[in-house]
Amino acid sequence: MARRVFTNSRERWRQQNVNGAFSELRKLIPTHPPDKKLSKNEILRLAMKYISFLMQLLKDQTSGQREDRDSSGCVTVSSGSSCYGDTDSEESTGTCGIQTKHSGGITEKVQEQILTVTASSYQR
């Protein structure tokens, strides 16, 4: 009996940690509307797409492809860049419309960290 109580307590603690991690990840993913309720599956799929989008944005910026620059010095994402779309389909082609201020480039350390996170997520 005591063992079952301990096991249940440990499982509740584990589930709270998992839910807390999903909550923190959810805060980092841009959605419209911002308070949209997402399932754990949607959170993971959107996180992977958002990371891929950010990697492509970094790649475009570091390779000197700053084509769609407006007068305020912002880099406008092309319509082919996707970080949203249908969360259940890999072929989705939604657009973000995100603009990022160009601050002279991203440090190699940040780019390396993003590549490391993405590489580890593909291995799972």
PDB file of N, CA and C in Angstrom:
ATOM      1  N   MET A   1       0.822  -1.197   0.000  1.00  0.00           N
ATOM      2  CA  MET A   1       0.000   0.000   0.000  1.00  0.00           C
ATOM      3  C   MET A   1       0.873   1.271   0.000  1.00  0.00           C
ATOM      4  N   ALA A   2       1.889   1.294   0.853  1.00  0.00           N
ATOM      5  CA  ALA A   2       2.767   2.466   0.934  1.00  0.00           C
ATOM      6  C   ALA A   2       3.539   2.648  -0.365  1.00  0.00           C
ATOM      7  N   ARG A   3       3.879   1.532  -0.989  1.00  0.00           N
ATOM      8  CA  ARG A   3       4.608   1.607  -2.250  1.00  0.00           C
ATOM      9  C   ARG A   3       3.747   2.239  -3.339  1.00  0.00           C
ATOM     10  N   ARG A   4       2.460   1.900  -3.369  1.00  0.00           N
ATOM     11  CA  ARG A   4       1.554   2.460  -4.364  1.00  0.00           C
ATOM     12  C   ARG A   4       1.360   3.961  -4.152  1.00  0.00           C
ATOM     13  N   VAL A   5       1.269   4.374  -2.905  1.00  0.00           N
ATOM     14  CA  VAL A   5       1.142   5.802  -2.596  1.00  0.00           C
ATOM     15  C   VAL A   5       2.388   6.545  -3.078  1.00  0.00           C
ATOM     16  N   PHE A   6       3.562   5.978  -2.833  1.00  0.00           N
ATOM     17  CA  PHE A   6       4.808   6.599  -3.282  1.00  0.00           C
ATOM     18  C   PHE A   6       4.857   6.670  -4.808  1.00  0.00           C
ATOM     19  N   THR A   7       4.455   5.586  -5.472  1.00  0.00           N
ATOM     20  CA  THR A   7       4.458   5.548  -6.937  1.00  0.00           C
ATOM     21  C   THR A   7       3.502   6.589  -7.507  1.00  0.00           C
ATOM     22  N   ASN A   8       2.317   6.701  -6.920  1.00  0.00           N
ATOM     23  CA  ASN A   8       1.351   7.707  -7.378  1.00  0.00           C
ATOM     24  C   ASN A   8       1.882   9.117  -7.167  1.00  0.00           C
ATOM     25  N   SER A   9       2.523   9.340  -6.037  1.00  0.00           N
ATOM     26  CA  SER A   9       3.093  10.655  -5.747  1.00  0.00           C
ATOM     27  C   SER A   9       4.188  10.998  -6.753  1.00  0.00           C
ATOM     28  N   ARG A  10       5.039  10.033  -7.042  1.00  0.00           N
ATOM     29  CA  ARG A  10       6.119  10.249  -8.008  1.00  0.00           C
ATOM     30  C   ARG A  10       5.556  10.528  -9.404  1.00  0.00           C
ATOM     31  N   GLU A  11       4.510   9.827  -9.788  1.00  0.00           N
ATOM     32  CA  GLU A  11       3.883  10.038 -11.100  1.00  0.00           C
ATOM     33  C   GLU A  11       3.239  11.423 -11.185  1.00  0.00           C
ATOM     34  N   ARG A  12       2.576  11.853 -10.103  1.00  0.00           N
ATOM     35  CA  ARG A  12       1.999  13.208 -10.084  1.00  0.00           C
ATOM     36  C   ARG A  12       3.095  14.260 -10.235  1.00  0.00           C
ATOM     37  N   TRP A  13       4.210  14.081  -9.530  1.00  0.00           N
ATOM     38  CA  TRP A  13       5.332  15.010  -9.618  1.00  0.00           C
ATOM     39  C   TRP A  13       5.893  15.036 -11.035  1.00  0.00           C
ATOM     40  N   ARG A  14       6.046  13.855 -11.633  1.00  0.00           N
ATOM     41  CA  ARG A  14       6.562  13.766 -12.997  1.00  0.00           C
ATOM     42  C   ARG A  14       5.628  14.470 -13.975  1.00  0.00           C
ATOM     43  N   GLN A  15       4.334  14.243 -13.841  1.00  0.00           N
ATOM     44  CA  GLN A  15       3.353  14.858 -14.738  1.00  0.00           C
ATOM     45  C   GLN A  15       3.328  16.378 -14.577  1.00  0.00           C
ATOM     46  N   GLN A  16       3.481  16.858 -13.341  1.00  0.00           N
ATOM     47  CA  GLN A  16       3.542  18.307 -13.120  1.00  0.00           C
ATOM     48  C   GLN A  16       4.769  18.909 -13.800  1.00  0.00           C
ATOM     49  N   ASN A  17       5.891  18.207 -13.742  1.00  0.00           N
ATOM     50  CA  ASN A  17       7.103  18.690 -14.413  1.00  0.00           C
ATOM     51  C   ASN A  17       6.926  18.718 -15.927  1.00  0.00           C
ATOM     52  N   VAL A  18       6.317  17.681 -16.475  1.00  0.00           N
ATOM     53  CA  VAL A  18       6.074  17.636 -17.922  1.00  0.00           C
ATOM     54  C   VAL A  18       5.144  18.779 -18.322  1.00  0.00           C
ATOM     55  N   ASN A  19       4.061  18.961 -17.586  1.00  0.00           N
ATOM     56  CA  ASN A  19       3.118  20.038 -17.902  1.00  0.00           C
ATOM     57  C   ASN A  19       3.772  21.408 -17.769  1.00  0.00           C
ATOM     58  N   GLY A  20       4.635  21.583 -16.769  1.00  0.00           N
ATOM     59  CA  GLY A  20       5.358  22.844 -16.610  1.00  0.00           C
ATOM     60  C   GLY A  20       6.289  23.114 -17.782  1.00  0.00           C
ATOM     61  N   ALA A  21       6.949  22.066 -18.264  1.00  0.00           N
ATOM     62  CA  ALA A  21       7.849  22.220 -19.415  1.00  0.00           C
ATOM     63  C   ALA A  21       7.065  22.599 -20.667  1.00  0.00           C
ATOM     64  N   PHE A  22       5.906  21.977 -20.873  1.00  0.00           N
ATOM     65  CA  PHE A  22       5.075  22.332 -22.022  1.00  0.00           C
ATOM     66  C   PHE A  22       4.576  23.767 -21.903  1.00  0.00           C
ATOM     67  N   SER A  23       4.241  24.185 -20.699  1.00  0.00           N
ATOM     68  CA  SER A  23       3.779  25.554 -20.480  1.00  0.00           C
ATOM     69  C   SER A  23       4.876  26.563 -20.823  1.00  0.00           C
ATOM     70  N   GLU A  24       6.102  26.283 -20.398  1.00  0.00           N
ATOM     71  CA  GLU A  24       7.221  27.169 -20.716  1.00  0.00           C
ATOM     72  C   GLU A  24       7.501  27.198 -22.218  1.00  0.00           C
ATOM     73  N   LEU A  25       7.458  26.039 -22.859  1.00  0.00           N
ATOM     74  CA  LEU A  25       7.673  25.974 -24.308  1.00  0.00           C
ATOM     75  C   LEU A  25       6.576  26.740 -25.037  1.00  0.00           C
ATOM     76  N   ARG A  26       5.345  26.619 -24.565  1.00  0.00           N
ATOM     77  CA  ARG A  26       4.200  27.289 -25.192  1.00  0.00           C
ATOM     78  C   ARG A  26       4.381  28.803 -25.197  1.00  0.00           C
ATOM     79  N   LYS A  27       4.984  29.343 -24.141  1.00  0.00           N
ATOM     80  CA  LYS A  27       5.204  30.789 -24.043  1.00  0.00           C
ATOM     81  C   LYS A  27       6.152  31.297 -25.128  1.00  0.00           C
ATOM     82  N   LEU A  28       7.005  30.425 -25.650  1.00  0.00           N
ATOM     83  CA  LEU A  28       8.005  30.823 -26.643  1.00  0.00           C
ATOM     84  C   LEU A  28       7.504  30.745 -28.078  1.00  0.00           C
ATOM     85  N   ILE A  29       6.366  30.092 -28.299  1.00  0.00           N
ATOM     86  CA  ILE A  29       5.863  29.877 -29.652  1.00  0.00           C
ATOM     87  C   ILE A  29       4.851  30.968 -29.993  1.00  0.00           C
ATOM     88  N   PRO A  30       5.114  31.750 -31.050  1.00  0.00           N
ATOM     89  CA  PRO A  30       4.152  32.789 -31.436  1.00  0.00           C
ATOM     90  C   PRO A  30       2.928  32.181 -32.120  1.00  0.00           C
ATOM     91  N   THR A  31       1.746  32.560 -31.666  1.00  0.00           N
ATOM     92  CA  THR A  31       0.497  32.116 -32.294  1.00  0.00           C
ATOM     93  C   THR A  31      -0.457  33.294 -32.378  1.00  0.00           C
ATOM     94  N   HIS A  32      -1.459  33.137 -33.213  1.00  0.00           N
ATOM     95  CA  HIS A  32      -2.494  34.163 -33.314  1.00  0.00           C
ATOM     96  C   HIS A  32      -3.840  33.497 -33.155  1.00  0.00           C
ATOM     97  N   PRO A  33      -4.609  33.827 -32.178  1.00  0.00           N
ATOM     98  CA  PRO A  33      -4.361  34.774 -31.082  1.00  0.00           C
ATOM     99  C   PRO A  33      -3.335  34.217 -30.089  1.00  0.00           C
ATOM    100  N   PRO A  34      -2.671  35.112 -29.371  1.00  0.00           N
ATOM    101  CA  PRO A  34      -1.594  34.679 -28.475  1.00  0.00           C
ATOM    102  C   PRO A  34      -2.033  33.711 -27.375  1.00  0.00           C
ATOM    103  N   ASP A  35      -3.276  33.786 -26.944  1.00  0.00           N
ATOM    104  CA  ASP A  35      -3.744  32.915 -25.864  1.00  0.00           C
ATOM    105  C   ASP A  35      -4.465  31.670 -26.378  1.00  0.00           C
ATOM    106  N   LYS A  36      -4.247  31.326 -27.643  1.00  0.00           N
ATOM    107  CA  LYS A  36      -4.890  30.153 -28.238  1.00  0.00           C
ATOM    108  C   LYS A  36      -4.480  28.889 -27.493  1.00  0.00           C
ATOM    109  N   LYS A  37      -5.458  28.051 -27.167  1.00  0.00           N
ATOM    110  CA  LYS A  37      -5.199  26.791 -26.468  1.00  0.00           C
ATOM    111  C   LYS A  37      -4.641  25.780 -27.460  1.00  0.00           C
ATOM    112  N   LEU A  38      -3.485  25.200 -27.134  1.00  0.00           N
ATOM    113  CA  LEU A  38      -2.841  24.217 -28.003  1.00  0.00           C
ATOM    114  C   LEU A  38      -2.671  22.902 -27.256  1.00  0.00           C
ATOM    115  N   SER A  39      -2.808  21.806 -27.977  1.00  0.00           N
ATOM    116  CA  SER A  39      -2.531  20.497 -27.388  1.00  0.00           C
ATOM    117  C   SER A  39      -1.018  20.310 -27.293  1.00  0.00           C
ATOM    118  N   LYS A  40      -0.594  19.312 -26.537  1.00  0.00           N
ATOM    119  CA  LYS A  40       0.840  19.028 -26.423  1.00  0.00           C
ATOM    120  C   LYS A  40       1.425  18.679 -27.785  1.00  0.00           C
ATOM    121  N   ASN A  41       0.664  17.941 -28.573  1.00  0.00           N
ATOM    122  CA  ASN A  41       1.097  17.578 -29.922  1.00  0.00           C
ATOM    123  C   ASN A  41       1.300  18.836 -30.773  1.00  0.00           C
ATOM    124  N   GLU A  42       0.338  19.763 -30.719  1.00  0.00           N
ATOM    125  CA  GLU A  42       0.452  21.004 -31.492  1.00  0.00           C
ATOM    126  C   GLU A  42       1.637  21.836 -31.018  1.00  0.00           C
ATOM    127  N   ILE A  43       1.859  21.880 -29.707  1.00  0.00           N
ATOM    128  CA  ILE A  43       2.991  22.639 -29.173  1.00  0.00           C
ATOM    129  C   ILE A  43       4.304  22.089 -29.723  1.00  0.00           C
ATOM    130  N   LEU A  44       4.454  20.772 -29.710  1.00  0.00           N
ATOM    131  CA  LEU A  44       5.695  20.170 -30.216  1.00  0.00           C
ATOM    132  C   LEU A  44       5.870  20.400 -31.707  1.00  0.00           C
ATOM    133  N   ARG A  45       4.802  20.230 -32.480  1.00  0.00           N
ATOM    134  CA  ARG A  45       4.893  20.431 -33.929  1.00  0.00           C
ATOM    135  C   ARG A  45       5.207  21.885 -34.270  1.00  0.00           C
ATOM    136  N   LEU A  46       4.529  22.829 -33.598  1.00  0.00           N
ATOM    137  CA  LEU A  46       4.798  24.246 -33.852  1.00  0.00           C
ATOM    138  C   LEU A  46       6.212  24.625 -33.409  1.00  0.00           C
ATOM    139  N   ALA A  47       6.684  24.051 -32.322  1.00  0.00           N
ATOM    140  CA  ALA A  47       8.049  24.341 -31.861  1.00  0.00           C
ATOM    141  C   ALA A  47       9.068  23.887 -32.901  1.00  0.00           C
ATOM    142  N   MET A  48       8.870  22.696 -33.461  1.00  0.00           N
ATOM    143  CA  MET A  48       9.796  22.211 -34.496  1.00  0.00           C
ATOM    144  C   MET A  48       9.759  23.113 -35.724  1.00  0.00           C
ATOM    145  N   LYS A  49       8.558  23.526 -36.148  1.00  0.00           N
ATOM    146  CA  LYS A  49       8.449  24.402 -37.318  1.00  0.00           C
ATOM    147  C   LYS A  49       9.055  25.773 -37.039  1.00  0.00           C
ATOM    148  N   TYR A  50       8.845  26.282 -35.818  1.00  0.00           N
ATOM    149  CA  TYR A  50       9.375  27.589 -35.467  1.00  0.00           C
ATOM    150  C   TYR A  50      10.903  27.553 -35.417  1.00  0.00           C
ATOM    151  N   ILE A  51      11.473  26.487 -34.884  1.00  0.00           N
ATOM    152  CA  ILE A  51      12.933  26.338 -34.860  1.00  0.00           C
ATOM    153  C   ILE A  51      13.476  26.264 -36.281  1.00  0.00           C
ATOM    154  N   SER A  52      12.809  25.506 -37.142  1.00  0.00           N
ATOM    155  CA  SER A  52      13.247  25.419 -38.545  1.00  0.00           C
ATOM    156  C   SER A  52      13.167  26.779 -39.221  1.00  0.00           C
ATOM    157  N   PHE A  53      12.089  27.500 -38.954  1.00  0.00           N
ATOM    158  CA  PHE A  53      11.929  28.845 -39.511  1.00  0.00           C
ATOM    159  C   PHE A  53      13.057  29.767 -39.045  1.00  0.00           C
ATOM    160  N   LEU A  54      13.359  29.740 -37.744  1.00  0.00           N
ATOM    161  CA  LEU A  54      14.422  30.590 -37.215  1.00  0.00           C
ATOM    162  C   LEU A  54      15.787  30.205 -37.784  1.00  0.00           C
ATOM    163  N   MET A  55      16.014  28.915 -37.966  1.00  0.00           N
ATOM    164  CA  MET A  55      17.275  28.476 -38.582  1.00  0.00           C
ATOM    165  C   MET A  55      17.396  28.996 -40.005  1.00  0.00           C
ATOM    166  N   GLN A  56      16.309  28.925 -40.771  1.00  0.00           N
ATOM    167  CA  GLN A  56      16.335  29.422 -42.146  1.00  0.00           C
ATOM    168  C   GLN A  56      16.562  30.930 -42.160  1.00  0.00           C
ATOM    169  N   LEU A  57      15.934  31.631 -41.228  1.00  0.00           N
ATOM    170  CA  LEU A  57      16.117  33.073 -41.125  1.00  0.00           C
ATOM    171  C   LEU A  57      17.576  33.406 -40.812  1.00  0.00           C
ATOM    172  N   LEU A  58      18.167  32.678 -39.876  1.00  0.00           N
ATOM    173  CA  LEU A  58      19.584  32.873 -39.563  1.00  0.00           C
ATOM    174  C   LEU A  58      20.465  32.581 -40.766  1.00  0.00           C
ATOM    175  N   LYS A  59      20.157  31.494 -41.450  1.00  0.00           N
ATOM    176  CA  LYS A  59      20.942  31.107 -42.627  1.00  0.00           C
ATOM    177  C   LYS A  59      20.869  32.192 -43.695  1.00  0.00           C
ATOM    178  N   ASP A  60      19.662  32.715 -43.936  1.00  0.00           N
ATOM    179  CA  ASP A  60      19.496  33.768 -44.934  1.00  0.00           C
ATOM    180  C   ASP A  60      20.250  35.031 -44.539  1.00  0.00           C
ATOM    181  N   GLN A  61      20.210  35.381 -43.258  1.00  0.00           N
ATOM    182  CA  GLN A  61      20.890  36.590 -42.807  1.00  0.00           C
ATOM    183  C   GLN A  61      22.402  36.436 -42.873  1.00  0.00           C
ATOM    184  N   THR A  62      22.911  35.293 -42.467  1.00  0.00           N
ATOM    185  CA  THR A  62      24.365  35.120 -42.439  1.00  0.00           C
ATOM    186  C   THR A  62      24.952  34.890 -43.819  1.00  0.00           C
ATOM    187  N   SER A  63      24.135  34.423 -44.769  1.00  0.00           N
ATOM    188  CA  SER A  63      24.666  34.200 -46.115  1.00  0.00           C
ATOM    189  C   SER A  63      24.560  35.451 -46.981  1.00  0.00           C
ATOM    190  N   GLY A  64      24.100  36.535 -46.412  1.00  0.00           N
ATOM    191  CA  GLY A  64      24.060  37.792 -47.145  1.00  0.00           C
ATOM    192  C   GLY A  64      22.821  37.980 -47.990  1.00  0.00           C
ATOM    193  N   GLN A  65      21.799  37.179 -47.792  1.00  0.00           N
ATOM    194  CA  GLN A  65      20.569  37.308 -48.577  1.00  0.00           C
ATOM    195  C   GLN A  65      19.586  38.196 -47.827  1.00  0.00           C
ATOM    196  N   ARG A  66      19.836  39.461 -47.857  1.00  0.00           N
ATOM    197  CA  ARG A  66      18.952  40.427 -47.190  1.00  0.00           C
ATOM    198  C   ARG A  66      18.184  41.186 -48.268  1.00  0.00           C
ATOM    199  N   GLU A  67      17.383  40.448 -49.037  1.00  0.00           N
ATOM    200  CA  GLU A  67      16.720  41.002 -50.216  1.00  0.00           C
ATOM    201  C   GLU A  67      15.535  41.904 -49.879  1.00  0.00           C
ATOM    202  N   ASP A  68      14.704  41.457 -48.983  1.00  0.00           N
ATOM    203  CA  ASP A  68      13.440  42.142 -48.727  1.00  0.00           C
ATOM    204  C   ASP A  68      13.552  43.144 -47.588  1.00  0.00           C
ATOM    205  N   ARG A  69      14.522  44.010 -47.658  1.00  0.00           N
ATOM    206  CA  ARG A  69      14.743  44.988 -46.601  1.00  0.00           C
ATOM    207  C   ARG A  69      13.899  46.240 -46.893  1.00  0.00           C
ATOM    208  N   ASP A  70      13.191  46.718 -45.882  1.00  0.00           N
ATOM    209  CA  ASP A  70      12.395  47.929 -46.080  1.00  0.00           C
ATOM    210  C   ASP A  70      13.178  49.146 -45.586  1.00  0.00           C
ATOM    211  N   SER A  71      12.561  50.326 -45.627  1.00  0.00           N
ATOM    212  CA  SER A  71      13.263  51.563 -45.309  1.00  0.00           C
ATOM    213  C   SER A  71      13.634  51.685 -43.836  1.00  0.00           C
ATOM    214  N   SER A  72      13.000  50.941 -42.946  1.00  0.00           N
ATOM    215  CA  SER A  72      13.315  51.046 -41.523  1.00  0.00           C
ATOM    216  C   SER A  72      14.462  50.139 -41.111  1.00  0.00           C
ATOM    217  N   GLY A  73      15.052  49.411 -42.040  1.00  0.00           N
ATOM    218  CA  GLY A  73      16.167  48.544 -41.715  1.00  0.00           C
ATOM    219  C   GLY A  73      15.738  47.195 -41.179  1.00  0.00           C
ATOM    220  N   CYS A  74      14.513  46.782 -41.479  1.00  0.00           N
ATOM    221  CA  CYS A  74      14.020  45.485 -41.029  1.00  0.00           C
ATOM    222  C   CYS A  74      14.156  44.476 -42.149  1.00  0.00           C
ATOM    223  N   VAL A  75      14.344  43.238 -41.777  1.00  0.00           N
ATOM    224  CA  VAL A  75      14.348  42.154 -42.746  1.00  0.00           C
ATOM    225  C   VAL A  75      12.957  41.553 -42.743  1.00  0.00           C
ATOM    226  N   THR A  76      12.304  41.546 -43.898  1.00  0.00           N
ATOM    227  CA  THR A  76      10.964  41.003 -44.009  1.00  0.00           C
ATOM    228  C   THR A  76      11.057  39.577 -44.505  1.00  0.00           C
ATOM    229  N   VAL A  77      10.361  38.694 -43.848  1.00  0.00           N
ATOM    230  CA  VAL A  77      10.394  37.287 -44.220  1.00  0.00           C
ATOM    231  C   VAL A  77       9.616  37.086 -45.504  1.00  0.00           C
ATOM    232  N   SER A  78      10.185  36.316 -46.425  1.00  0.00           N
ATOM    233  CA  SER A  78       9.504  36.058 -47.688  1.00  0.00           C
ATOM    234  C   SER A  78       8.316  35.143 -47.473  1.00  0.00           C
ATOM    235  N   SER A  79       7.386  35.144 -48.427  1.00  0.00           N
ATOM    236  CA  SER A  79       6.170  34.357 -48.279  1.00  0.00           C
ATOM    237  C   SER A  79       6.442  32.862 -48.308  1.00  0.00           C
ATOM    238  N   GLY A  80       7.603  32.437 -48.754  1.00  0.00           N
ATOM    239  CA  GLY A  80       7.938  31.018 -48.768  1.00  0.00           C
ATOM    240  C   GLY A  80       8.388  30.502 -47.411  1.00  0.00           C
ATOM    241  N   SER A  81       8.698  31.415 -46.478  1.00  0.00           N
ATOM    242  CA  SER A  81       9.131  30.992 -45.153  1.00  0.00           C
ATOM    243  C   SER A  81       7.918  30.612 -44.334  1.00  0.00           C
ATOM    244  N   SER A  82       7.978  29.467 -43.714  1.00  0.00           N
ATOM    245  CA  SER A  82       6.824  28.972 -42.980  1.00  0.00           C
ATOM    246  C   SER A  82       7.189  28.581 -41.567  1.00  0.00           C
ATOM    247  N   CYS A  83       6.419  29.070 -40.598  1.00  0.00           N
ATOM    248  CA  CYS A  83       6.583  28.582 -39.235  1.00  0.00           C
ATOM    249  C   CYS A  83       5.246  28.189 -38.641  1.00  0.00           C
ATOM    250  N   TYR A  84       4.167  28.468 -39.354  1.00  0.00           N
ATOM    251  CA  TYR A  84       2.846  28.070 -38.886  1.00  0.00           C
ATOM    252  C   TYR A  84       2.264  27.067 -39.843  1.00  0.00           C
ATOM    253  N   GLY A  85       1.017  27.268 -40.172  1.00  0.00           N
ATOM    254  CA  GLY A  85       0.350  26.351 -41.078  1.00  0.00           C
ATOM    255  C   GLY A  85      -0.338  25.255 -40.304  1.00  0.00           C
ATOM    256  N   ASP A  86      -0.776  24.250 -41.014  1.00  0.00           N
ATOM    257  CA  ASP A  86      -1.465  23.120 -40.422  1.00  0.00           C
ATOM    258  C   ASP A  86      -0.487  22.331 -39.564  1.00  0.00           C
ATOM    259  N   THR A  87      -0.786  22.190 -38.278  1.00  0.00           N
ATOM    260  CA  THR A  87       0.151  21.516 -37.381  1.00  0.00           C
ATOM    261  C   THR A  87       0.165  20.015 -37.580  1.00  0.00           C
ATOM    262  N   ASP A  88      -0.793  19.465 -38.311  1.00  0.00           N
ATOM    263  CA  ASP A  88      -0.823  18.026 -38.534  1.00  0.00           C
ATOM    264  C   ASP A  88      -0.235  17.624 -39.868  1.00  0.00           C
ATOM    265  N   SER A  89       0.234  18.590 -40.653  1.00  0.00           N
ATOM    266  CA  SER A  89       0.735  18.274 -41.982  1.00  0.00           C
ATOM    267  C   SER A  89       2.140  18.816 -42.152  1.00  0.00           C
ATOM    268  N   GLU A  90       3.001  18.021 -42.712  1.00  0.00           N
ATOM    269  CA  GLU A  90       4.363  18.465 -42.979  1.00  0.00           C
ATOM    270  C   GLU A  90       4.444  19.286 -44.256  1.00  0.00           C
ATOM    271  N   GLU A  91       3.409  19.215 -45.121  1.00  0.00           N
ATOM    272  CA  GLU A  91       3.450  19.931 -46.392  1.00  0.00           C
ATOM    273  C   GLU A  91       2.828  21.320 -46.307  1.00  0.00           C
ATOM    274  N   SER A  92       2.528  21.801 -45.115  1.00  0.00           N
ATOM    275  CA  SER A  92       1.851  23.083 -44.986  1.00  0.00           C
ATOM    276  C   SER A  92       2.755  24.216 -45.444  1.00  0.00           C
ATOM    277  N   THR A  93       2.131  25.264 -45.981  1.00  0.00           N
ATOM    278  CA  THR A  93       2.906  26.392 -46.494  1.00  0.00           C
ATOM    279  C   THR A  93       2.348  27.707 -45.987  1.00  0.00           C
ATOM    280  N   GLY A  94       1.982  27.776 -44.716  1.00  0.00           N
ATOM    281  CA  GLY A  94       1.502  29.018 -44.140  1.00  0.00           C
ATOM    282  C   GLY A  94       2.642  30.010 -44.014  1.00  0.00           C
ATOM    283  N   THR A  95       2.313  31.301 -43.824  1.00  0.00           N
ATOM    284  CA  THR A  95       3.357  32.310 -43.700  1.00  0.00           C
ATOM    285  C   THR A  95       3.281  32.957 -42.338  1.00  0.00           C
ATOM    286  N   CYS A  96       4.394  33.492 -41.899  1.00  0.00           N
ATOM    287  CA  CYS A  96       4.469  34.099 -40.577  1.00  0.00           C
ATOM    288  C   CYS A  96       4.264  35.603 -40.623  1.00  0.00           C
ATOM    289  N   GLY A  97       4.883  36.259 -41.586  1.00  0.00           N
ATOM    290  CA  GLY A  97       4.813  37.707 -41.633  1.00  0.00           C
ATOM    291  C   GLY A  97       5.606  38.358 -40.511  1.00  0.00           C
ATOM    292  N   ILE A  98       6.616  37.700 -40.004  1.00  0.00           N
ATOM    293  CA  ILE A  98       7.419  38.224 -38.907  1.00  0.00           C
ATOM    294  C   ILE A  98       8.502  39.131 -39.471  1.00  0.00           C
ATOM    295  N   GLN A  99       8.741  40.236 -38.783  1.00  0.00           N
ATOM    296  CA  GLN A  99       9.840  41.105 -39.159  1.00  0.00           C
ATOM    297  C   GLN A  99      10.825  41.134 -38.004  1.00  0.00           C
ATOM    298  N   THR A 100      12.104  41.077 -38.320  1.00  0.00           N
ATOM    299  CA  THR A 100      13.120  41.156 -37.283  1.00  0.00           C
ATOM    300  C   THR A 100      14.053  42.306 -37.596  1.00  0.00           C
ATOM    301  N   LYS A 101      14.423  43.038 -36.575  1.00  0.00           N
ATOM    302  CA  LYS A 101      15.356  44.137 -36.763  1.00  0.00           C
ATOM    303  C   LYS A 101      16.748  43.571 -36.997  1.00  0.00           C
ATOM    304  N   HIS A 102      17.450  44.140 -37.959  1.00  0.00           N
ATOM    305  CA  HIS A 102      18.812  43.691 -38.263  1.00  0.00           C
ATOM    306  C   HIS A 102      19.758  44.406 -37.312  1.00  0.00           C
ATOM    307  N   SER A 103      20.455  43.644 -36.505  1.00  0.00           N
ATOM    308  CA  SER A 103      21.337  44.244 -35.506  1.00  0.00           C
ATOM    309  C   SER A 103      22.800  43.938 -35.785  1.00  0.00           C
ATOM    310  N   GLY A 104      23.141  43.740 -37.050  1.00  0.00           N
ATOM    311  CA  GLY A 104      24.534  43.501 -37.373  1.00  0.00           C
ATOM    312  C   GLY A 104      24.912  42.036 -37.347  1.00  0.00           C
ATOM    313  N   GLY A 105      23.944  41.147 -37.305  1.00  0.00           N
ATOM    314  CA  GLY A 105      24.242  39.713 -37.350  1.00  0.00           C
ATOM    315  C   GLY A 105      24.084  39.029 -36.009  1.00  0.00           C
ATOM    316  N   ILE A 106      23.993  37.728 -36.064  1.00  0.00           N
ATOM    317  CA  ILE A 106      23.842  36.904 -34.877  1.00  0.00           C
ATOM    318  C   ILE A 106      25.203  36.289 -34.556  1.00  0.00           C
ATOM    319  N   THR A 107      25.513  36.225 -33.291  1.00  0.00           N
ATOM    320  CA  THR A 107      26.799  35.643 -32.925  1.00  0.00           C
ATOM    321  C   THR A 107      26.839  34.168 -33.278  1.00  0.00           C
ATOM    322  N   GLU A 108      28.032  33.670 -33.504  1.00  0.00           N
ATOM    323  CA  GLU A 108      28.196  32.261 -33.867  1.00  0.00           C
ATOM    324  C   GLU A 108      27.736  31.346 -32.743  1.00  0.00           C
ATOM    325  N   LYS A 109      27.887  31.791 -31.495  1.00  0.00           N
ATOM    326  CA  LYS A 109      27.492  30.963 -30.355  1.00  0.00           C
ATOM    327  C   LYS A 109      25.987  30.702 -30.368  1.00  0.00           C
ATOM    328  N   VAL A 110      25.185  31.737 -30.625  1.00  0.00           N
ATOM    329  CA  VAL A 110      23.733  31.576 -30.680  1.00  0.00           C
ATOM    330  C   VAL A 110      23.352  30.659 -31.833  1.00  0.00           C
ATOM    331  N   GLN A 111      23.950  30.876 -32.980  1.00  0.00           N
ATOM    332  CA  GLN A 111      23.654  30.036 -34.138  1.00  0.00           C
ATOM    333  C   GLN A 111      24.029  28.582 -33.851  1.00  0.00           C
ATOM    334  N   GLU A 112      25.154  28.369 -33.197  1.00  0.00           N
ATOM    335  CA  GLU A 112      25.584  27.012 -32.859  1.00  0.00           C
ATOM    336  C   GLU A 112      24.607  26.353 -31.886  1.00  0.00           C
ATOM    337  N   GLN A 113      24.091  27.130 -30.923  1.00  0.00           N
ATOM    338  CA  GLN A 113      23.126  26.586 -29.968  1.00  0.00           C
ATOM    339  C   GLN A 113      21.839  26.174 -30.667  1.00  0.00           C
ATOM    340  N   ILE A 114      21.367  26.987 -31.602  1.00  0.00           N
ATOM    341  CA  ILE A 114      20.147  26.656 -32.336  1.00  0.00           C
ATOM    342  C   ILE A 114      20.363  25.397 -33.160  1.00  0.00           C
ATOM    343  N   LEU A 115      21.506  25.300 -33.820  1.00  0.00           N
ATOM    344  CA  LEU A 115      21.796  24.108 -34.612  1.00  0.00           C
ATOM    345  C   LEU A 115      21.881  22.866 -33.731  1.00  0.00           C
ATOM    346  N   THR A 116      22.457  23.002 -32.541  1.00  0.00           N
ATOM    347  CA  THR A 116      22.563  21.872 -31.619  1.00  0.00           C
ATOM    348  C   THR A 116      21.191  21.404 -31.172  1.00  0.00           C
ATOM    349  N   VAL A 117      20.314  22.343 -30.797  1.00  0.00           N
ATOM    350  CA  VAL A 117      18.961  21.993 -30.361  1.00  0.00           C
ATOM    351  C   VAL A 117      18.202  21.316 -31.488  1.00  0.00           C
ATOM    352  N   THR A 118      18.308  21.860 -32.690  1.00  0.00           N
ATOM    353  CA  THR A 118      17.587  21.293 -33.822  1.00  0.00           C
ATOM    354  C   THR A 118      18.113  19.913 -34.175  1.00  0.00           C
ATOM    355  N   ALA A 119      19.430  19.752 -34.171  1.00  0.00           N
ATOM    356  CA  ALA A 119      20.009  18.448 -34.493  1.00  0.00           C
ATOM    357  C   ALA A 119      19.566  17.396 -33.490  1.00  0.00           C
ATOM    358  N   SER A 120      19.514  17.758 -32.220  1.00  0.00           N
ATOM    359  CA  SER A 120      19.098  16.776 -31.212  1.00  0.00           C
ATOM    360  C   SER A 120      17.621  16.444 -31.338  1.00  0.00           C
ATOM    361  N   SER A 121      16.789  17.395 -31.782  1.00  0.00           N
ATOM    362  CA  SER A 121      15.361  17.092 -31.943  1.00  0.00           C
ATOM    363  C   SER A 121      15.117  16.192 -33.143  1.00  0.00           C
ATOM    364  N   TYR A 122      15.964  16.268 -34.169  1.00  0.00           N
ATOM    365  CA  TYR A 122      15.806  15.390 -35.326  1.00  0.00           C
ATOM    366  C   TYR A 122      16.243  13.966 -35.015  1.00  0.00           C
ATOM    367  N   GLN A 123      17.145  13.798 -34.044  1.00  0.00           N
ATOM    368  CA  GLN A 123      17.633  12.469 -33.699  1.00  0.00           C
ATOM    369  C   GLN A 123      16.616  11.676 -32.905  1.00  0.00           C
ATOM    370  N   ARG A 124      15.635  12.332 -32.302  1.00  0.00           N
ATOM    371  CA  ARG A 124      14.652  11.644 -31.463  1.00  0.00           C
ATOM    372  C   ARG A 124      13.573  11.023 -32.248  1.00  0.00           C
TER     373      ARG A 124
END
